[in-house]
All heavy atoms as atom14 arrays in JSON, in Angstrom:
{
  "sequence": "KRTVVYAELARAERWVLRYSPLRRELYTPKRMQLPHLHARAAVLRSG",
  "atom14_mask": [
    [1, 1, 1, 1, 1, 1, 1, 1, 1, 0, 0, 0, 0, 0],
    [1, 1, 1, 1, 1, 1, 1, 1, 1, 1, 1, 0, 0, 0],
    [1, 1, 1, 1, 1, 1, 1, 0, 0, 0, 0, 0, 0, 0],
    [1, 1, 1, 1, 1, 1, 1, 0, 0, 0, 0, 0, 0, 0],
    [1, 1, 1, 1, 1, 1, 1, 0, 0, 0, 0, 0, 0, 0],
    [1, 1, 1, 1, 1, 1, 1, 1, 1, 1, 1, 1, 0, 0],
    [1, 1, 1, 1, 1, 0, 0, 0, 0, 0, 0, 0, 0, 0],
    [1, 1, 1, 1, 1, 1, 1, 1, 1, 0, 0, 0, 0, 0],
    [1, 1, 1, 1, 1, 1, 1, 1, 0, 0, 0, 0, 0, 0],
    [1, 1, 1, 1, 1, 0, 0, 0, 0, 0, 0, 0, 0, 0],
    [1, 1, 1, 1, 1, 1, 1, 1, 1, 1, 1, 0, 0, 0],
    [1, 1, 1, 1, 1, 0, 0, 0, 0, 0, 0, 0, 0, 0],
    [1, 1, 1, 1, 1, 1, 1, 1, 1, 0, 0, 0, 0, 0],
    [1, 1, 1, 1, 1, 1, 1, 1, 1, 1, 1, 0, 0, 0],
    [1, 1, 1, 1, 1, 1, 1, 1, 1, 1, 1, 1, 1, 1],
    [1, 1, 1, 1, 1, 1, 1, 0, 0, 0, 0, 0, 0, 0],
    [1, 1, 1, 1, 1, 1, 1, 1, 0, 0, 0, 0, 0, 0],
    [1, 1, 1, 1, 1, 1, 1, 1, 1, 1, 1, 0, 0, 0],
    [1, 1, 1, 1, 1, 1, 1, 1, 1, 1, 1, 1, 0, 0],
    [1, 1, 1, 1, 1, 1, 0, 0, 0, 0, 0, 0, 0, 0],
    [1, 1, 1, 1, 1, 1, 1, 0, 0, 0, 0, 0, 0, 0],
    [1, 1, 1, 1, 1, 1, 1, 1, 0, 0, 0, 0, 0, 0],
    [1, 1, 1, 1, 1, 1, 1, 1, 1, 1, 1, 0, 0, 0],
    [1, 1, 1, 1, 1, 1, 1, 1, 1, 1, 1, 0, 0, 0],
    [1, 1, 1, 1, 1, 1, 1, 1, 1, 0, 0, 0, 0, 0],
    [1, 1, 1, 1, 1, 1, 1, 1, 0, 0, 0, 0, 0, 0],
    [1, 1, 1, 1, 1, 1, 1, 1, 1, 1, 1, 1, 0, 0],
    [1, 1, 1, 1, 1, 1, 1, 0, 0, 0, 0, 0, 0, 0],
    [1, 1, 1, 1, 1, 1, 1, 0, 0, 0, 0, 0, 0, 0],
    [1, 1, 1, 1, 1, 1, 1, 1, 1, 0, 0, 0, 0, 0],
    [1, 1, 1, 1, 1, 1, 1, 1, 1, 1, 1, 0, 0, 0],
    [1, 1, 1, 1, 1, 1, 1, 1, 0, 0, 0, 0, 0, 0],
    [1, 1, 1, 1, 1, 1, 1, 1, 1, 0, 0, 0, 0, 0],
    [1, 1, 1, 1, 1, 1, 1, 1, 0, 0, 0, 0, 0, 0],
    [1, 1, 1, 1, 1, 1, 1, 0, 0, 0, 0, 0, 0, 0],
    [1, 1, 1, 1, 1, 1, 1, 1, 1, 1, 0, 0, 0, 0],
    [1, 1, 1, 1, 1, 1, 1, 1, 0, 0, 0, 0, 0, 0],
    [1, 1, 1, 1, 1, 1, 1, 1, 1, 1, 0, 0, 0, 0],
    [1, 1, 1, 1, 1, 0, 0, 0, 0, 0, 0, 0, 0, 0],
    [1, 1, 1, 1, 1, 1, 1, 1, 1, 1, 1, 0, 0, 0],
    [1, 1, 1, 1, 1, 0, 0, 0, 0, 0, 0, 0, 0, 0],
    [1, 1, 1, 1, 1, 0, 0, 0, 0, 0, 0, 0, 0, 0],
    [1, 1, 1, 1, 1, 1, 1, 0, 0, 0, 0, 0, 0, 0],
    [1, 1, 1, 1, 1, 1, 1, 1, 0, 0, 0, 0, 0, 0],
    [1, 1, 1, 1, 1, 1, 1, 1, 1, 1, 1, 0, 0, 0],
    [1, 1, 1, 1, 1, 1, 0, 0, 0, 0, 0, 0, 0, 0],
    [1, 1, 1, 1, 0, 0, 0, 0, 0, 0, 0, 0, 0, 0]
  ],
  "atom14_positions": [
    [[3.14, -10.75, 8.57], [2.12, -11.75, 8.25], [0.87, -11.12, 7.6], [0.33, -11.65, 6.63], [1.72, -12.51, 9.52], [0.68, -13.58, 9.27], [0.32, -14.31, 10.54], [-0.78, -15.31, 10.29], [-1.19, -15.99, 11.5], [0.0, 0.0, 0.0], [0.0, 0.0, 0.0], [0.0, 0.0, 0.0], [0.0, 0.0, 0.0], [0.0, 0.0, 0.0]],
    [[0.42, -9.99, 8.13], [-0.8, -9.37, 7.6], [-0.62, -8.95, 6.14], [-1.53, -9.1, 5.33], [-1.2, -8.16, 8.44], [-1.66, -8.53, 9.84], [-1.99, -7.29, 10.6], [-2.44, -7.57, 11.96], [-2.97, -6.66, 12.75], [-3.11, -5.42, 12.34], [-3.35, -6.99, 13.96], [0.0, 0.0, 0.0], [0.0, 0.0, 0.0], [0.0, 0.0, 0.0]],
    [[0.55, -8.45, 5.8], [0.82, -8.04, 4.42], [0.84, -9.26, 3.51], [0.28, -9.23, 2.41], [2.16, -7.29, 4.35], [2.07, -6.14, 5.2], [2.48, -6.85, 2.94], [0.0, 0.0, 0.0], [0.0, 0.0, 0.0], [0.0, 0.0, 0.0], [0.0, 0.0, 0.0], [0.0, 0.0, 0.0], [0.0, 0.0, 0.0], [0.0, 0.0, 0.0]],
    [[1.45, -10.33, 3.97], [1.51, -11.57, 3.19], [0.11, -12.14, 2.98], [-0.22, -12.6, 1.88], [2.44, -12.6, 3.88], [2.37, -13.96, 3.19], [3.86, -12.08, 3.9], [0.0, 0.0, 0.0], [0.0, 0.0, 0.0], [0.0, 0.0, 0.0], [0.0, 0.0, 0.0], [0.0, 0.0, 0.0], [0.0, 0.0, 0.0], [0.0, 0.0, 0.0]],
    [[-0.74, -12.08, 4.0], [-2.11, -12.57, 3.89], [-2.84, -11.82, 2.77], [-3.48, -12.43, 1.91], [-2.88, -12.44, 5.23], [-4.38, -12.6, 5.04], [-2.36, -13.45, 6.24], [0.0, 0.0, 0.0], [0.0, 0.0, 0.0], [0.0, 0.0, 0.0], [0.0, 0.0, 0.0], [0.0, 0.0, 0.0], [0.0, 0.0, 0.0], [0.0, 0.0, 0.0]],
    [[-2.73, -10.49, 2.74], [-3.43, -9.71, 1.71], [-2.81, -9.91, 0.32], [-3.52, -9.87, -0.69], [-3.54, -8.24, 2.1], [-4.77, -8.04, 2.97], [-4.71, -8.22, 4.34], [-6.0, -7.76, 2.4], [-5.84, -8.09, 5.13], [-7.14, -7.63, 3.18], [-7.05, -7.8, 4.54], [-8.18, -7.69, 5.32], [0.0, 0.0, 0.0], [0.0, 0.0, 0.0]],
    [[-1.51, -10.16, 0.26], [-0.88, -10.48, -1.03], [-1.44, -11.8, -1.58], [-1.76, -11.9, -2.77], [0.63, -10.56, -0.88], [0.0, 0.0, 0.0], [0.0, 0.0, 0.0], [0.0, 0.0, 0.0], [0.0, 0.0, 0.0], [0.0, 0.0, 0.0], [0.0, 0.0, 0.0], [0.0, 0.0, 0.0], [0.0, 0.0, 0.0], [0.0, 0.0, 0.0]],
    [[-1.61, -12.76, -0.7], [-2.16, -14.05, -1.12], [-3.64, -13.93, -1.49], [-4.11, -14.54, -2.45], [-1.96, -15.11, -0.03], [-2.51, -16.48, -0.37], [-1.93, -17.11, -1.62], [-0.84, -16.71, -2.07], [-2.58, -18.03, -2.16], [0.0, 0.0, 0.0], [0.0, 0.0, 0.0], [0.0, 0.0, 0.0], [0.0, 0.0, 0.0], [0.0, 0.0, 0.0]],
    [[-4.39, -13.13, -0.73], [-5.8, -12.9, -1.07], [-5.94, -12.28, -2.46], [-6.8, -12.67, -3.24], [-6.46, -12.0, -0.02], [-6.71, -12.62, 1.35], [-7.12, -11.54, 2.35], [-7.76, -13.71, 1.28], [0.0, 0.0, 0.0], [0.0, 0.0, 0.0], [0.0, 0.0, 0.0], [0.0, 0.0, 0.0], [0.0, 0.0, 0.0], [0.0, 0.0, 0.0]],
    [[-5.06, -11.32, -2.76], [-5.1, -10.68, -4.08], [-4.75, -11.69, -5.17], [-5.41, -11.74, -6.21], [-4.13, -9.5, -4.1], [0.0, 0.0, 0.0], [0.0, 0.0, 0.0], [0.0, 0.0, 0.0], [0.0, 0.0, 0.0], [0.0, 0.0, 0.0], [0.0, 0.0, 0.0], [0.0, 0.0, 0.0], [0.0, 0.0, 0.0], [0.0, 0.0, 0.0]],
    [[-3.73, -12.5, -4.92], [-3.33, -13.49, -5.91], [-4.47, -14.46, -6.19], [-4.74, -14.84, -7.33], [-2.1, -14.27, -5.42], [-1.52, -15.21, -6.48], [-0.59, -16.24, -5.89], [-1.25, -17.17, -5.01], [-2.06, -18.18, -5.41], [-2.33, -18.35, -6.68], [-2.62, -18.99, -4.53], [0.0, 0.0, 0.0], [0.0, 0.0, 0.0], [0.0, 0.0, 0.0]],
    [[-5.19, -14.85, -5.13], [-6.29, -15.8, -5.26], [-7.6, -15.13, -5.67], [-8.61, -15.81, -5.84], [-6.5, -16.55, -3.94], [0.0, 0.0, 0.0], [0.0, 0.0, 0.0], [0.0, 0.0, 0.0], [0.0, 0.0, 0.0], [0.0, 0.0, 0.0], [0.0, 0.0, 0.0], [0.0, 0.0, 0.0], [0.0, 0.0, 0.0], [0.0, 0.0, 0.0]],
    [[-7.56, -13.82, -5.84], [-8.76, -13.02, -6.16], [-9.89, -13.31, -5.19], [-11.02, -13.59, -5.56], [-9.19, -13.26, -7.61], [-8.18, -12.76, -8.61], [-8.65, -12.89, -10.04], [-9.73, -13.47, -10.31], [-7.93, -12.38, -10.92], [0.0, 0.0, 0.0], [0.0, 0.0, 0.0], [0.0, 0.0, 0.0], [0.0, 0.0, 0.0], [0.0, 0.0, 0.0]],
    [[-9.56, -13.25, -3.91], [-10.54, -13.43, -2.84], [-10.77, -12.08, -2.18], [-9.84, -11.47, -1.64], [-10.01, -14.45, -1.83], [-11.02, -14.77, -0.77], [-10.64, -16.01, -0.01], [-11.54, -16.13, 1.14], [-11.16, -16.57, 2.31], [-9.92, -16.96, 2.5], [-12.01, -16.63, 3.29], [0.0, 0.0, 0.0], [0.0, 0.0, 0.0], [0.0, 0.0, 0.0]],
    [[-12.0, -11.6, -2.22], [-12.31, -10.25, -1.75], [-12.93, -10.33, -0.36], [-14.02, -10.89, -0.19], [-13.25, -9.55, -2.73], [-12.91, -9.81, -4.17], [-13.74, -10.29, -5.12], [-11.64, -9.62, -4.82], [-13.07, -10.42, -6.32], [-11.78, -10.01, -6.16], [-10.39, -9.16, -4.39], [-10.73, -9.94, -7.08], [-9.35, -9.11, -5.3], [-9.52, -9.48, -6.63]],
    [[-12.25, -9.78, 0.64], [-12.69, -9.92, 2.02], [-13.1, -8.61, 2.69], [-13.71, -8.63, 3.76], [-11.62, -10.63, 2.89], [-11.34, -12.03, 2.36], [-10.35, -9.81, 2.98], [0.0, 0.0, 0.0], [0.0, 0.0, 0.0], [0.0, 0.0, 0.0], [0.0, 0.0, 0.0], [0.0, 0.0, 0.0], [0.0, 0.0, 0.0], [0.0, 0.0, 0.0]],
    [[-12.77, -7.48, 2.11], [-13.11, -6.2, 2.73], [-14.57, -5.85, 2.43], [-15.02, -5.94, 1.29], [-12.2, -5.08, 2.22], [-10.73, -5.21, 2.56], [-9.95, -4.02, 2.02], [-10.53, -5.35, 4.06], [0.0, 0.0, 0.0], [0.0, 0.0, 0.0], [0.0, 0.0, 0.0], [0.0, 0.0, 0.0], [0.0, 0.0, 0.0], [0.0, 0.0, 0.0]],
    [[-15.3, -5.48, 3.46], [-16.72, -5.12, 3.34], [-16.88, -3.67, 3.77], [-16.19, -3.2, 4.67], [-17.58, -6.0, 4.25], [-17.33, -7.48, 4.11], [-18.29, -8.1, 3.12], [-18.23, -9.54, 3.07], [-17.35, -10.23, 2.37], [-16.4, -9.62, 1.72], [-17.4, -11.55, 2.31], [0.0, 0.0, 0.0], [0.0, 0.0, 0.0], [0.0, 0.0, 0.0]],
    [[-17.82, -2.97, 3.13], [-18.07, -1.57, 3.47], [-19.56, -1.29, 3.43], [-20.25, -1.69, 2.49], [-17.34, -0.64, 2.49], [-17.56, 0.8, 2.81], [-16.94, 1.39, 3.91], [-18.41, 1.59, 2.04], [-17.16, 2.73, 4.24], [-18.63, 2.92, 2.36], [-18.0, 3.48, 3.46], [-18.23, 4.79, 3.78], [0.0, 0.0, 0.0], [0.0, 0.0, 0.0]],
    [[-20.04, -0.6, 4.44], [-21.43, -0.17, 4.49], [-21.47, 1.34, 4.28], [-21.12, 2.1, 5.19], [-22.06, -0.52, 5.85], [-23.32, 0.1, 5.95], [0.0, 0.0, 0.0], [0.0, 0.0, 0.0], [0.0, 0.0, 0.0], [0.0, 0.0, 0.0], [0.0, 0.0, 0.0], [0.0, 0.0, 0.0], [0.0, 0.0, 0.0], [0.0, 0.0, 0.0]],
    [[-21.87, 1.8, 3.09], [-21.94, 3.24, 2.85], [-22.98, 3.92, 3.73], [-22.8, 5.07, 4.14], [-22.31, 3.37, 1.37], [-22.46, 2.01, 0.83], [-22.23, 1.02, 1.92], [0.0, 0.0, 0.0], [0.0, 0.0, 0.0], [0.0, 0.0, 0.0], [0.0, 0.0, 0.0], [0.0, 0.0, 0.0], [0.0, 0.0, 0.0], [0.0, 0.0, 0.0]],
    [[-24.05, 3.21, 4.03], [-25.11, 3.76, 4.86], [-24.61, 4.06, 6.28], [-24.89, 5.12, 6.83], [-26.28, 2.76, 4.92], [-27.62, 3.29, 5.37], [-28.07, 4.44, 4.49], [-28.65, 2.18, 5.34], [0.0, 0.0, 0.0], [0.0, 0.0, 0.0], [0.0, 0.0, 0.0], [0.0, 0.0, 0.0], [0.0, 0.0, 0.0], [0.0, 0.0, 0.0]],
    [[-23.85, 3.13, 6.84], [-23.33, 3.3, 8.21], [-21.91, 3.86, 8.24], [-21.39, 4.14, 9.31], [-23.37, 1.95, 8.94], [-24.79, 1.45, 9.15], [-24.86, 0.27, 10.08], [-24.08, -0.87, 9.62], [-24.59, -1.99, 9.13], [-25.88, -2.13, 9.05], [-23.81, -2.97, 8.75], [0.0, 0.0, 0.0], [0.0, 0.0, 0.0], [0.0, 0.0, 0.0]],
    [[-21.28, 3.96, 7.06], [-19.89, 4.45, 6.95], [-18.95, 3.6, 7.81], [-18.16, 4.1, 8.58], [-19.8, 5.94, 7.33], [-20.53, 6.83, 6.35], [-20.57, 8.29, 6.79], [-19.31, 8.8, 7.3], [-18.45, 9.55, 6.62], [-18.71, 9.89, 5.38], [-17.34, 9.98, 7.17], [0.0, 0.0, 0.0], [0.0, 0.0, 0.0], [0.0, 0.0, 0.0]],
    [[-19.06, 2.28, 7.62], [-18.26, 1.34, 8.39], [-17.5, 0.4, 7.45], [-18.06, -0.12, 6.49], [-19.13, 0.52, 9.33], [-19.79, 1.36, 10.4], [-20.8, 0.61, 11.23], [-21.25, -0.49, 10.82], [-21.17, 1.14, 12.3], [0.0, 0.0, 0.0], [0.0, 0.0, 0.0], [0.0, 0.0, 0.0], [0.0, 0.0, 0.0], [0.0, 0.0, 0.0]],
    [[-16.24, 0.19, 7.76], [-15.39, -0.73, 7.03], [-15.18, -1.96, 7.89], [-14.88, -1.84, 9.08], [-14.03, -0.07, 6.73], [-12.99, -0.93, 6.04], [-13.43, -1.28, 4.62], [-11.65, -0.22, 6.03], [0.0, 0.0, 0.0], [0.0, 0.0, 0.0], [0.0, 0.0, 0.0], [0.0, 0.0, 0.0], [0.0, 0.0, 0.0], [0.0, 0.0, 0.0]],
    [[-15.37, -3.14, 7.31], [-15.24, -4.41, 8.03], [-14.12, -5.25, 7.42], [-14.04, -5.37, 6.19], [-16.53, -5.23, 7.93], [-17.73, -4.6, 8.56], [-18.55, -3.74, 7.84], [-18.06, -4.87, 9.89], [-19.66, -3.17, 8.42], [-19.17, -4.3, 10.48], [-19.97, -3.45, 9.74], [-21.07, -2.89, 10.32], [0.0, 0.0, 0.0], [0.0, 0.0, 0.0]],
    [[-13.31, -5.83, 8.29], [-12.31, -6.81, 7.85], [-12.5, -8.06, 8.7], [-12.84, -7.95, 9.87], [-10.87, -6.29, 8.03], [-10.59, -6.16, 9.42], [-10.67, -4.97, 7.34], [0.0, 0.0, 0.0], [0.0, 0.0, 0.0], [0.0, 0.0, 0.0], [0.0, 0.0, 0.0], [0.0, 0.0, 0.0], [0.0, 0.0, 0.0], [0.0, 0.0, 0.0]],
    [[-12.31, -9.23, 8.12], [-12.41, -10.43, 8.95], [-11.36, -10.38, 10.06], [-10.23, -9.94, 9.84], [-12.11, -11.57, 7.97], [-12.41, -11.0, 6.63], [-12.06, -9.55, 6.72], [0.0, 0.0, 0.0], [0.0, 0.0, 0.0], [0.0, 0.0, 0.0], [0.0, 0.0, 0.0], [0.0, 0.0, 0.0], [0.0, 0.0, 0.0], [0.0, 0.0, 0.0]],
    [[-11.73, -10.82, 11.23], [-10.81, -10.81, 12.38], [-9.54, -11.59, 12.07], [-8.45, -11.18, 12.45], [-11.52, -11.4, 13.6], [-10.69, -11.39, 14.86], [-11.54, -11.87, 16.03], [-10.85, -12.98, 16.74], [-11.62, -13.47, 17.89], [0.0, 0.0, 0.0], [0.0, 0.0, 0.0], [0.0, 0.0, 0.0], [0.0, 0.0, 0.0], [0.0, 0.0, 0.0]],
    [[-9.67, -12.67, 11.34], [-8.51, -13.5, 11.0], [-7.68, -12.92, 9.86], [-6.61, -13.44, 9.56], [-8.97, -14.91, 10.63], [-9.57, -15.64, 11.83], [-10.03, -17.04, 11.5], [-8.95, -17.83, 10.93], [-9.1, -18.68, 9.92], [-10.27, -18.85, 9.37], [-8.08, -19.35, 9.46], [0.0, 0.0, 0.0], [0.0, 0.0, 0.0], [0.0, 0.0, 0.0]],
    [[-8.19, -11.86, 9.23], [-7.48, -11.23, 8.12], [-7.44, -9.72, 8.33], [-7.88, -8.94, 7.49], [-8.18, -11.56, 6.8], [-8.2, -13.01, 6.49], [-9.28, -13.35, 5.1], [-9.48, -15.1, 5.26], [0.0, 0.0, 0.0], [0.0, 0.0, 0.0], [0.0, 0.0, 0.0], [0.0, 0.0, 0.0], [0.0, 0.0, 0.0], [0.0, 0.0, 0.0]],
    [[-6.91, -9.32, 9.48], [-6.86, -7.9, 9.81], [-5.97, -7.15, 8.83], [-5.05, -7.72, 8.23], [-6.37, -7.71, 11.23], [-7.39, -8.2, 12.25], [-6.95, -7.92, 13.66], [-6.48, -6.83, 13.97], [-7.09, -8.91, 14.53], [0.0, 0.0, 0.0], [0.0, 0.0, 0.0], [0.0, 0.0, 0.0], [0.0, 0.0, 0.0], [0.0, 0.0, 0.0]],
    [[-6.25, -5.87, 8.69], [-5.49, -5.03, 7.77], [-4.01, -5.03, 8.13], [-3.66, -5.1, 9.32], [-6.0, -3.58, 7.84], [-7.41, -3.33, 7.35], [-7.8, -1.88, 7.62], [-7.54, -3.65, 5.88], [0.0, 0.0, 0.0], [0.0, 0.0, 0.0], [0.0, 0.0, 0.0], [0.0, 0.0, 0.0], [0.0, 0.0, 0.0], [0.0, 0.0, 0.0]],
    [[-3.13, -4.92, 7.13], [-1.72, -4.72, 7.44], [-1.57, -3.47, 8.33], [-2.39, -2.56, 8.28], [-1.08, -4.5, 6.07], [-1.99, -5.24, 5.12], [-3.37, -5.02, 5.69], [0.0, 0.0, 0.0], [0.0, 0.0, 0.0], [0.0, 0.0, 0.0], [0.0, 0.0, 0.0], [0.0, 0.0, 0.0], [0.0, 0.0, 0.0], [0.0, 0.0, 0.0]],
    [[-0.52, -3.45, 9.12], [-0.36, -2.4, 10.13], [-0.47, -0.98, 9.57], [-1.15, -0.13, 10.15], [0.96, -2.58, 10.88], [1.0, -3.85, 11.68], [0.23, -4.04, 12.81], [1.68, -5.0, 11.49], [0.44, -5.25, 13.29], [1.31, -5.86, 12.51], [0.0, 0.0, 0.0], [0.0, 0.0, 0.0], [0.0, 0.0, 0.0], [0.0, 0.0, 0.0]],
    [[0.16, -0.71, 8.45], [0.11, 0.63, 7.87], [-1.32, 1.02, 7.48], [-1.78, 2.13, 7.74], [1.04, 0.73, 6.66], [1.12, 2.1, 5.99], [1.67, 3.13, 6.96], [1.99, 2.01, 4.75], [0.0, 0.0, 0.0], [0.0, 0.0, 0.0], [0.0, 0.0, 0.0], [0.0, 0.0, 0.0], [0.0, 0.0, 0.0], [0.0, 0.0, 0.0]],
    [[-2.04, 0.09, 6.89], [-3.42, 0.34, 6.47], [-4.33, 0.52, 7.69], [-5.22, 1.36, 7.69], [-3.92, -0.79, 5.59], [-3.2, -0.86, 4.28], [-1.97, -1.47, 4.16], [-3.53, -0.39, 3.06], [-1.58, -1.37, 2.9], [-2.5, -0.73, 2.21], [0.0, 0.0, 0.0], [0.0, 0.0, 0.0], [0.0, 0.0, 0.0], [0.0, 0.0, 0.0]],
    [[-4.11, -0.3, 8.72], [-4.9, -0.19, 9.94], [-4.68, 1.17, 10.6], [-5.63, 1.81, 11.05], [-4.54, -1.32, 10.9], [0.0, 0.0, 0.0], [0.0, 0.0, 0.0], [0.0, 0.0, 0.0], [0.0, 0.0, 0.0], [0.0, 0.0, 0.0], [0.0, 0.0, 0.0], [0.0, 0.0, 0.0], [0.0, 0.0, 0.0], [0.0, 0.0, 0.0]],
    [[-3.44, 1.62, 10.64], [-3.15, 2.94, 11.22], [-3.81, 4.04, 10.42], [-4.35, 4.99, 10.99], [-1.64, 3.18, 11.27], [-0.97, 2.39, 12.35], [0.51, 2.67, 12.38], [1.16, 1.8, 13.34], [2.45, 1.57, 13.37], [3.25, 2.16, 12.5], [2.97, 0.78, 14.28], [0.0, 0.0, 0.0], [0.0, 0.0, 0.0], [0.0, 0.0, 0.0]],
    [[-3.77, 3.93, 9.1], [-4.41, 4.94, 8.26], [-5.91, 4.99, 8.52], [-6.51, 6.06, 8.6], [-4.13, 4.65, 6.78], [0.0, 0.0, 0.0], [0.0, 0.0, 0.0], [0.0, 0.0, 0.0], [0.0, 0.0, 0.0], [0.0, 0.0, 0.0], [0.0, 0.0, 0.0], [0.0, 0.0, 0.0], [0.0, 0.0, 0.0], [0.0, 0.0, 0.0]],
    [[-6.53, 3.82, 8.67], [-7.98, 3.76, 8.95], [-8.3, 4.38, 10.31], [-9.29, 5.1, 10.45], [-8.48, 2.32, 8.87], [0.0, 0.0, 0.0], [0.0, 0.0, 0.0], [0.0, 0.0, 0.0], [0.0, 0.0, 0.0], [0.0, 0.0, 0.0], [0.0, 0.0, 0.0], [0.0, 0.0, 0.0], [0.0, 0.0, 0.0], [0.0, 0.0, 0.0]],
    [[-7.47, 4.13, 11.3], [-7.68, 4.71, 12.62], [-7.53, 6.23, 12.56], [-8.34, 6.97, 13.12], [-6.71, 4.1, 13.66], [-6.68, 4.9, 14.95], [-7.11, 2.66, 13.95], [0.0, 0.0, 0.0], [0.0, 0.0, 0.0], [0.0, 0.0, 0.0], [0.0, 0.0, 0.0], [0.0, 0.0, 0.0], [0.0, 0.0, 0.0], [0.0, 0.0, 0.0]],
    [[-6.51, 6.7, 11.86], [-6.32, 8.15, 11.74], [-7.48, 8.8, 10.98], [-7.95, 9.87, 11.34], [-5.0, 8.45, 11.04], [-3.75, 8.18, 11.87], [-2.5, 8.32, 11.02], [-3.7, 9.13, 13.06], [0.0, 0.0, 0.0], [0.0, 0.0, 0.0], [0.0, 0.0, 0.0], [0.0, 0.0, 0.0], [0.0, 0.0, 0.0], [0.0, 0.0, 0.0]],
    [[-7.96, 8.14, 9.93], [-9.08, 8.69, 9.15], [-10.36, 8.72, 9.99], [-11.12, 9.66, 9.95], [-9.29, 7.83, 7.9], [-10.33, 8.34, 6.96], [-9.89, 9.64, 6.34], [-10.77, 10.03, 5.26], [-10.35, 10.72, 4.22], [-9.09, 11.07, 4.1], [-11.21, 11.07, 3.29], [0.0, 0.0, 0.0], [0.0, 0.0, 0.0], [0.0, 0.0, 0.0]],
    [[-10.57, 7.66, 10.76], [-11.77, 7.52, 11.57], [-11.74, 8.41, 12.81], [-12.75, 8.96, 13.21], [-11.89, 6.05, 12.02], [-12.74, 5.91, 13.1], [0.0, 0.0, 0.0], [0.0, 0.0, 0.0], [0.0, 0.0, 0.0], [0.0, 0.0, 0.0], [0.0, 0.0, 0.0], [0.0, 0.0, 0.0], [0.0, 0.0, 0.0], [0.0, 0.0, 0.0]],
    [[-10.56, 8.5, 13.42], [-10.45, 9.21, 14.68], [-10.8, 8.32, 15.87], [-10.79, 8.77, 17.01], [0.0, 0.0, 0.0], [0.0, 0.0, 0.0], [0.0, 0.0, 0.0], [0.0, 0.0, 0.0], [0.0, 0.0, 0.0], [0.0, 0.0, 0.0], [0.0, 0.0, 0.0], [0.0, 0.0, 0.0], [0.0, 0.0, 0.0], [0.0, 0.0, 0.0]]
  ]
}
């Protein structure tokens, strides 16, 4: 489902990912969480 949600967001050109360079924080809407592979990569990168 998460992958399909992001495929549809891309098709609709709806941009939902937010980033704060000052705080080094990536935000995703709770209802549009990252696909599992991307979420794992973010956790590994973040620690």
